[in-house]
Amino acid sequence: MRKTDKKIDNAIRVALTEACEVAQDESEGFMWLTHFVNYNSFPGSLSVVCVYDTNAHLAKANLDGMRSLIKKKLASINIDIKDIRRHVSFDTEEKCKIENDGKWQERLQA
């Protein structure tokens, strides 16, 4: 990773941590989020996965509100994402446990 990529990655991590903290306070069942990026095709390659505890909580969640929060936090560090729906996906601890025996590393690599 180049030095500039590392700086951008650290800024993304801070912005997404802020989004995570807000979501934990405001969205029932929200647990955590993570991101993946290939800096050779950034920002188009940025992918954020938001994880809820159960499928029921995910079904009730304000997904557009979560996307908007993430877009706003990224914009605060000058990362403009045109179509945030392409970059943010959702999953649950419940699904991971059923489909991947709780192994997130395996699930996220798929």
N, C-alpha and C. Protein backbone atom coordinates (compact mmCIF):
# COMPACT_ATOMS: atom_id res chain seq x y z
N MET A 1 0.84 -1.18 0.00
CA MET A 1 0.00 0.00 0.00
C MET A 1 0.89 1.24 0.00
N ARG A 2 0.60 2.14 -0.92
CA ARG A 2 1.36 3.38 -0.99
C ARG A 2 1.05 4.26 0.22
N LYS A 3 1.93 5.21 0.46
CA LYS A 3 1.75 6.11 1.60
C LYS A 3 0.44 6.89 1.50
N THR A 4 0.12 7.37 0.30
CA THR A 4 -1.14 8.12 0.12
C THR A 4 -2.35 7.21 0.34
N ASP A 5 -2.25 5.95 -0.10
CA ASP A 5 -3.34 5.00 0.12
C ASP A 5 -3.55 4.76 1.61
N LYS A 6 -2.47 4.67 2.33
CA LYS A 6 -2.54 4.44 3.79
C LYS A 6 -3.25 5.62 4.47
N LYS A 7 -2.92 6.85 4.04
CA LYS A 7 -3.56 8.03 4.61
C LYS A 7 -5.06 8.02 4.33
N ILE A 8 -5.42 7.70 3.10
CA ILE A 8 -6.84 7.65 2.73
C ILE A 8 -7.54 6.55 3.54
N ASP A 9 -6.89 5.39 3.66
CA ASP A 9 -7.49 4.28 4.39
C ASP A 9 -7.72 4.64 5.85
N ASN A 10 -6.77 5.32 6.45
CA ASN A 10 -6.93 5.75 7.85
C ASN A 10 -8.10 6.74 7.98
N ALA A 11 -8.22 7.65 7.03
CA ALA A 11 -9.33 8.62 7.06
C ALA A 11 -10.67 7.90 6.88
N ILE A 12 -10.72 6.93 5.99
CA ILE A 12 -11.94 6.14 5.79
C ILE A 12 -12.30 5.41 7.08
N ARG A 13 -11.30 4.81 7.70
CA ARG A 13 -11.53 4.06 8.94
C ARG A 13 -12.12 4.97 10.02
N VAL A 14 -11.58 6.16 10.17
CA VAL A 14 -12.09 7.11 11.17
C VAL A 14 -13.52 7.52 10.84
N ALA A 15 -13.79 7.85 9.58
CA ALA A 15 -15.13 8.27 9.17
C ALA A 15 -16.14 7.15 9.37
N LEU A 16 -15.76 5.93 9.01
CA LEU A 16 -16.69 4.81 9.17
C LEU A 16 -16.87 4.42 10.63
N THR A 17 -15.86 4.63 11.45
CA THR A 17 -16.01 4.40 12.89
C THR A 17 -17.04 5.36 13.47
N GLU A 18 -16.99 6.60 13.02
CA GLU A 18 -17.99 7.58 13.46
C GLU A 18 -19.39 7.16 13.03
N ALA A 19 -19.52 6.70 11.79
CA ALA A 19 -20.81 6.23 11.29
C ALA A 19 -21.29 5.03 12.10
N CYS A 20 -20.38 4.14 12.42
CA CYS A 20 -20.71 2.95 13.20
C CYS A 20 -21.24 3.34 14.57
N GLU A 21 -20.60 4.28 15.22
CA GLU A 21 -21.02 4.71 16.55
C GLU A 21 -22.42 5.33 16.52
N VAL A 22 -22.68 6.13 15.51
CA VAL A 22 -24.01 6.73 15.35
C VAL A 22 -25.04 5.63 15.13
N ALA A 23 -24.73 4.70 14.24
CA ALA A 23 -25.66 3.62 13.91
C ALA A 23 -25.95 2.74 15.13
N GLN A 24 -24.94 2.47 15.93
CA GLN A 24 -25.15 1.65 17.13
C GLN A 24 -26.11 2.34 18.09
N ASP A 25 -26.06 3.65 18.15
CA ASP A 25 -26.96 4.40 19.02
C ASP A 25 -28.37 4.52 18.45
N GLU A 26 -28.48 4.60 17.13
CA GLU A 26 -29.76 4.95 16.52
C GLU A 26 -30.48 3.81 15.81
N SER A 27 -29.81 2.72 15.53
CA SER A 27 -30.44 1.65 14.74
C SER A 27 -30.46 0.35 15.55
N GLU A 28 -31.65 -0.08 15.92
CA GLU A 28 -31.80 -1.28 16.74
C GLU A 28 -31.22 -2.49 16.02
N GLY A 29 -30.35 -3.19 16.72
CA GLY A 29 -29.76 -4.41 16.19
C GLY A 29 -28.51 -4.21 15.36
N PHE A 30 -28.13 -2.95 15.07
CA PHE A 30 -26.90 -2.72 14.31
C PHE A 30 -25.71 -3.11 15.17
N MET A 31 -24.79 -3.89 14.60
CA MET A 31 -23.64 -4.39 15.36
C MET A 31 -22.32 -3.72 14.97
N TRP A 32 -21.96 -3.82 13.70
CA TRP A 32 -20.66 -3.33 13.25
C TRP A 32 -20.66 -3.17 11.74
N LEU A 33 -19.58 -2.58 11.24
CA LEU A 33 -19.39 -2.49 9.79
C LEU A 33 -17.92 -2.66 9.47
N THR A 34 -17.66 -2.95 8.23
CA THR A 34 -16.29 -3.09 7.75
C THR A 34 -16.24 -2.58 6.32
N HIS A 35 -15.04 -2.36 5.83
CA HIS A 35 -14.91 -1.90 4.44
C HIS A 35 -13.78 -2.62 3.73
N PHE A 36 -13.88 -2.63 2.41
CA PHE A 36 -12.87 -3.20 1.53
C PHE A 36 -12.64 -2.20 0.42
N VAL A 37 -11.42 -2.14 -0.06
CA VAL A 37 -11.12 -1.21 -1.15
C VAL A 37 -9.88 -1.69 -1.89
N ASN A 38 -9.90 -1.49 -3.20
CA ASN A 38 -8.73 -1.70 -4.04
C ASN A 38 -8.32 -0.31 -4.51
N TYR A 39 -7.21 0.18 -4.03
CA TYR A 39 -6.83 1.56 -4.32
C TYR A 39 -6.42 1.79 -5.77
N ASN A 40 -6.25 0.72 -6.54
CA ASN A 40 -5.98 0.88 -7.96
C ASN A 40 -7.23 1.35 -8.71
N SER A 41 -8.40 1.16 -8.11
CA SER A 41 -9.64 1.63 -8.75
C SER A 41 -10.54 2.34 -7.74
N PHE A 42 -9.92 3.15 -6.91
CA PHE A 42 -10.62 3.91 -5.88
C PHE A 42 -11.18 5.19 -6.47
N PRO A 43 -12.34 5.66 -6.12
CA PRO A 43 -13.24 5.19 -5.07
C PRO A 43 -14.27 4.17 -5.54
N GLY A 44 -14.25 3.84 -6.85
CA GLY A 44 -15.23 2.89 -7.38
C GLY A 44 -15.21 1.53 -6.72
N SER A 45 -14.06 1.14 -6.17
CA SER A 45 -13.95 -0.19 -5.56
C SER A 45 -14.33 -0.23 -4.09
N LEU A 46 -14.62 0.92 -3.50
CA LEU A 46 -14.95 0.95 -2.07
C LEU A 46 -16.24 0.19 -1.80
N SER A 47 -16.18 -0.71 -0.85
CA SER A 47 -17.34 -1.51 -0.46
C SER A 47 -17.44 -1.49 1.06
N VAL A 48 -18.64 -1.19 1.56
CA VAL A 48 -18.89 -1.17 3.00
C VAL A 48 -19.96 -2.22 3.30
N VAL A 49 -19.71 -3.05 4.30
CA VAL A 49 -20.68 -4.06 4.72
C VAL A 49 -21.14 -3.69 6.13
N CYS A 50 -22.46 -3.51 6.28
CA CYS A 50 -23.08 -3.18 7.57
C CYS A 50 -23.73 -4.45 8.12
N VAL A 51 -23.45 -4.76 9.37
CA VAL A 51 -23.93 -6.01 9.95
C VAL A 51 -24.88 -5.75 11.11
N TYR A 52 -26.04 -6.40 11.02
CA TYR A 52 -27.04 -6.37 12.08
C TYR A 52 -27.03 -7.72 12.80
N ASP A 53 -27.61 -7.75 13.99
CA ASP A 53 -27.61 -9.00 14.74
C ASP A 53 -28.55 -10.05 14.15
N THR A 54 -29.78 -9.66 13.80
CA THR A 54 -30.76 -10.62 13.29
C THR A 54 -31.36 -10.16 11.97
N ASN A 55 -31.92 -11.11 11.25
CA ASN A 55 -32.63 -10.79 10.02
C ASN A 55 -33.83 -9.89 10.30
N ALA A 56 -34.48 -10.10 11.44
CA ALA A 56 -35.66 -9.29 11.81
C ALA A 56 -35.26 -7.83 11.99
N HIS A 57 -34.14 -7.58 12.67
CA HIS A 57 -33.69 -6.19 12.84
C HIS A 57 -33.28 -5.58 11.50
N LEU A 58 -32.64 -6.36 10.66
CA LEU A 58 -32.26 -5.85 9.34
C LEU A 58 -33.50 -5.50 8.52
N ALA A 59 -34.53 -6.33 8.60
CA ALA A 59 -35.76 -6.08 7.85
C ALA A 59 -36.44 -4.78 8.28
N LYS A 60 -36.28 -4.41 9.55
CA LYS A 60 -36.90 -3.19 10.07
C LYS A 60 -35.99 -1.96 9.94
N ALA A 61 -34.75 -2.17 9.59
CA ALA A 61 -33.77 -1.08 9.58
C ALA A 61 -34.03 -0.08 8.46
N ASN A 62 -33.64 1.15 8.72
CA ASN A 62 -33.72 2.22 7.73
C ASN A 62 -32.44 2.17 6.88
N LEU A 63 -32.47 1.35 5.85
CA LEU A 63 -31.26 1.13 5.05
C LEU A 63 -30.84 2.38 4.29
N ASP A 64 -31.82 3.13 3.79
CA ASP A 64 -31.47 4.37 3.09
C ASP A 64 -30.84 5.37 4.07
N GLY A 65 -31.33 5.39 5.31
CA GLY A 65 -30.74 6.25 6.33
C GLY A 65 -29.30 5.86 6.63
N MET A 66 -29.03 4.56 6.68
CA MET A 66 -27.67 4.08 6.92
C MET A 66 -26.76 4.45 5.74
N ARG A 67 -27.25 4.26 4.54
CA ARG A 67 -26.45 4.65 3.36
C ARG A 67 -26.16 6.15 3.37
N SER A 68 -27.17 6.92 3.73
CA SER A 68 -27.02 8.38 3.77
C SER A 68 -25.98 8.78 4.82
N LEU A 69 -26.02 8.15 5.98
CA LEU A 69 -25.04 8.41 7.04
C LEU A 69 -23.63 8.11 6.55
N ILE A 70 -23.44 6.98 5.91
CA ILE A 70 -22.12 6.59 5.42
C ILE A 70 -21.66 7.56 4.33
N LYS A 71 -22.55 7.90 3.41
CA LYS A 71 -22.20 8.85 2.35
C LYS A 71 -21.77 10.19 2.94
N LYS A 72 -22.51 10.66 3.95
CA LYS A 72 -22.20 11.94 4.60
C LYS A 72 -20.83 11.88 5.30
N LYS A 73 -20.55 10.79 6.00
CA LYS A 73 -19.26 10.67 6.69
C LYS A 73 -18.11 10.59 5.69
N LEU A 74 -18.32 9.90 4.58
CA LEU A 74 -17.26 9.84 3.56
C LEU A 74 -17.08 11.21 2.90
N ALA A 75 -18.17 11.91 2.66
CA ALA A 75 -18.09 13.25 2.07
C ALA A 75 -17.32 14.20 2.98
N SER A 76 -17.41 13.97 4.29
CA SER A 76 -16.70 14.84 5.24
C SER A 76 -15.17 14.71 5.12
N ILE A 77 -14.71 13.63 4.46
CA ILE A 77 -13.27 13.47 4.22
C ILE A 77 -12.98 13.55 2.72
N ASN A 78 -13.88 14.24 2.00
CA ASN A 78 -13.72 14.51 0.57
C ASN A 78 -13.72 13.26 -0.31
N ILE A 79 -14.51 12.27 0.09
CA ILE A 79 -14.71 11.10 -0.77
C ILE A 79 -16.17 11.15 -1.21
N ASP A 80 -16.34 11.50 -2.48
CA ASP A 80 -17.69 11.65 -3.03
C ASP A 80 -18.09 10.38 -3.74
N ILE A 81 -19.11 9.72 -3.21
CA ILE A 81 -19.63 8.50 -3.81
C ILE A 81 -20.94 8.87 -4.52
N LYS A 82 -20.97 8.66 -5.82
CA LYS A 82 -22.15 9.05 -6.60
C LYS A 82 -23.36 8.19 -6.24
N ASP A 83 -23.26 6.87 -6.42
CA ASP A 83 -24.38 5.96 -6.17
C ASP A 83 -24.04 5.08 -4.96
N ILE A 84 -24.36 5.58 -3.78
CA ILE A 84 -23.98 4.89 -2.53
C ILE A 84 -24.58 3.49 -2.45
N ARG A 85 -25.70 3.25 -3.11
CA ARG A 85 -26.35 1.93 -3.07
C ARG A 85 -25.43 0.84 -3.63
N ARG A 86 -24.57 1.19 -4.56
CA ARG A 86 -23.63 0.21 -5.13
C ARG A 86 -22.49 -0.12 -4.18
N HIS A 87 -22.27 0.73 -3.19
CA HIS A 87 -21.09 0.59 -2.34
C HIS A 87 -21.38 0.08 -0.93
N VAL A 88 -22.65 0.06 -0.55
CA VAL A 88 -23.01 -0.36 0.82
C VAL A 88 -23.93 -1.57 0.74
N SER A 89 -23.54 -2.64 1.43
CA SER A 89 -24.39 -3.83 1.49
C SER A 89 -24.66 -4.16 2.95
N PHE A 90 -25.60 -5.07 3.16
CA PHE A 90 -26.05 -5.39 4.51
C PHE A 90 -26.05 -6.90 4.72
N ASP A 91 -25.77 -7.29 5.95
CA ASP A 91 -25.72 -8.71 6.31
C ASP A 91 -26.12 -8.83 7.77
N THR A 92 -26.22 -10.07 8.25
CA THR A 92 -26.56 -10.28 9.66
C THR A 92 -25.68 -11.36 10.28
N GLU A 93 -25.52 -11.23 11.58
CA GLU A 93 -24.83 -12.27 12.35
C GLU A 93 -25.58 -13.59 12.21
N GLU A 94 -26.91 -13.49 12.19
CA GLU A 94 -27.76 -14.68 12.09
C GLU A 94 -27.48 -15.45 10.80
N LYS A 95 -27.42 -14.75 9.66
CA LYS A 95 -27.15 -15.40 8.38
C LYS A 95 -25.76 -16.02 8.36
N CYS A 96 -24.79 -15.30 8.89
CA CYS A 96 -23.41 -15.80 8.91
C CYS A 96 -23.33 -17.09 9.73
N LYS A 97 -24.02 -17.11 10.84
CA LYS A 97 -23.98 -18.31 11.69
C LYS A 97 -24.59 -19.50 10.96
N ILE A 98 -25.69 -19.27 10.26
CA ILE A 98 -26.38 -20.35 9.54
C ILE A 98 -25.59 -20.79 8.31
N GLU A 99 -25.14 -19.84 7.53
CA GLU A 99 -24.53 -20.15 6.23
C GLU A 99 -23.03 -20.40 6.27
N ASN A 100 -22.33 -19.80 7.24
CA ASN A 100 -20.87 -19.93 7.30
C ASN A 100 -20.37 -20.34 8.68
N ASP A 101 -21.24 -20.88 9.49
CA ASP A 101 -20.88 -21.34 10.83
C ASP A 101 -20.22 -20.23 11.65
N GLY A 102 -20.66 -18.98 11.41
CA GLY A 102 -20.15 -17.84 12.16
C GLY A 102 -18.77 -17.36 11.73
N LYS A 103 -18.25 -17.86 10.63
CA LYS A 103 -16.90 -17.50 10.18
C LYS A 103 -16.97 -16.33 9.21
N TRP A 104 -16.84 -15.13 9.77
CA TRP A 104 -16.95 -13.92 8.96
C TRP A 104 -15.86 -13.81 7.91
N GLN A 105 -14.66 -14.21 8.24
CA GLN A 105 -13.56 -14.09 7.28
C GLN A 105 -13.89 -14.89 6.00
N GLU A 106 -14.42 -16.07 6.20
CA GLU A 106 -14.83 -16.91 5.08
C GLU A 106 -15.99 -16.25 4.31
N ARG A 107 -16.95 -15.75 5.04
CA ARG A 107 -18.13 -15.13 4.42
C ARG A 107 -17.78 -13.89 3.61
N LEU A 108 -16.93 -13.06 4.15
CA LEU A 108 -16.59 -11.79 3.50
C LEU A 108 -15.68 -11.98 2.29
N GLN A 109 -14.98 -13.09 2.22
CA GLN A 109 -14.13 -13.36 1.06
C GLN A 109 -14.93 -13.81 -0.15
N ALA A 110 -16.13 -14.30 0.09
CA ALA A 110 -16.95 -14.84 -1.01
C ALA A 110 -17.37 -13.76 -1.98
